[in-house]
């Protein structure tokens, strides 16, 4: 049994982080990860995701984009258009 909903809290924190993370370099440097074109994220998958936290977030982002679930991240963004 989970104690205090820690697993849910962890997932919420990961989704919040992903919704508000920006690409730190490259053609789309400064863009929110959620706004990256799927083709760009697929290119990284084929060439190799960056190491560390950014690569982990991009892998998760690809799963979200491939399944059309970007809408779950949009309400979590702290910025507005």
Protein backbone atom coordinates (compact mmCIF):
# COMPACT_ATOMS: atom_id res chain seq x y z
CA UNK A 1 0.00 0.00 0.00
CA UNK A 2 1.22 3.49 -0.81
CA UNK A 3 1.87 5.81 2.08
CA UNK A 4 0.32 9.25 1.89
CA UNK A 5 -0.20 9.15 -1.84
CA UNK A 6 3.52 9.60 -2.46
CA UNK A 7 3.36 7.88 -5.85
CA UNK A 8 0.57 10.21 -7.00
CA UNK A 9 2.51 13.21 -5.71
CA UNK A 10 5.59 12.04 -7.62
CA UNK A 11 3.58 11.73 -10.85
CA UNK A 12 2.07 15.18 -10.35
CA UNK A 13 5.50 16.68 -9.81
CA UNK A 14 6.86 14.97 -12.93
CA UNK A 15 3.95 16.21 -15.04
CA UNK A 16 4.31 19.74 -13.65
CA UNK A 17 8.02 19.69 -14.42
CA UNK A 18 7.43 18.42 -17.94
CA UNK A 19 4.66 20.95 -18.62
CA UNK A 20 6.95 23.84 -17.69
CA UNK A 21 10.36 22.65 -18.91
CA UNK A 22 12.07 24.44 -21.77
CA UNK A 23 14.45 23.15 -24.40
CA UNK A 24 17.85 24.54 -23.38
CA UNK A 25 19.57 24.40 -26.78
CA UNK A 26 19.29 23.84 -30.51
CA UNK A 27 16.82 24.88 -33.15
CA UNK A 28 14.01 25.08 -30.59
CA UNK A 29 16.05 26.46 -27.71
CA UNK A 30 13.77 28.37 -25.33
CA UNK A 31 10.61 26.55 -26.45
CA UNK A 32 8.57 24.68 -23.89
CA UNK A 33 9.12 20.95 -24.39
CA UNK A 34 5.39 20.42 -24.89
CA UNK A 35 5.57 22.83 -27.86
CA UNK A 36 8.32 20.90 -29.64
CA UNK A 37 7.17 19.33 -32.90
CA UNK A 38 6.75 15.58 -32.62
CA UNK A 39 9.12 15.15 -35.59
CA UNK A 40 11.88 16.90 -33.61
CA UNK A 41 11.36 14.64 -30.60
CA UNK A 42 11.35 11.60 -32.93
CA UNK A 43 14.65 12.81 -34.40
CA UNK A 44 16.13 12.81 -30.90
CA UNK A 45 14.77 9.32 -30.29
CA UNK A 46 16.51 8.10 -33.43
CA UNK A 47 19.80 9.94 -32.74
CA UNK A 48 19.75 9.47 -28.98
CA UNK A 49 18.04 11.54 -26.32
CA UNK A 50 20.25 13.89 -24.31
CA UNK A 51 21.66 12.40 -21.14
CA UNK A 52 20.21 13.15 -17.74
CA UNK A 53 16.91 14.71 -16.77
CA UNK A 54 16.28 16.39 -20.13
CA UNK A 55 16.53 13.07 -21.95
CA UNK A 56 14.15 11.44 -19.48
CA UNK A 57 11.63 14.23 -19.93
CA UNK A 58 11.90 14.03 -23.71
CA UNK A 59 11.29 10.27 -23.63
CA UNK A 60 8.16 10.85 -21.54
CA UNK A 61 7.14 13.69 -23.82
CA UNK A 62 7.35 11.41 -26.84
CA UNK A 63 4.98 8.90 -25.25
CA UNK A 64 2.58 11.73 -24.42
CA UNK A 65 2.75 13.17 -27.95
CA UNK A 66 2.41 9.79 -29.67
CA UNK A 67 -0.77 9.16 -27.70
CA UNK A 68 -2.24 12.63 -28.23
CA UNK A 69 -2.16 13.45 -24.52
CA UNK A 70 -0.66 16.95 -24.67
CA UNK A 71 -3.97 18.22 -23.32
CA UNK A 72 -3.13 16.74 -19.90
CA UNK A 73 -0.05 18.98 -19.68
CA UNK A 74 -1.50 22.26 -20.93
CA UNK A 75 -3.53 23.02 -17.77
CA UNK A 76 -0.39 22.45 -15.70
CA UNK A 77 1.59 25.17 -17.42
CA UNK A 78 2.26 28.25 -15.34
CA UNK A 79 2.40 30.49 -18.40
CA UNK A 80 -0.52 31.52 -20.54
CA UNK A 81 -0.61 32.42 -24.21
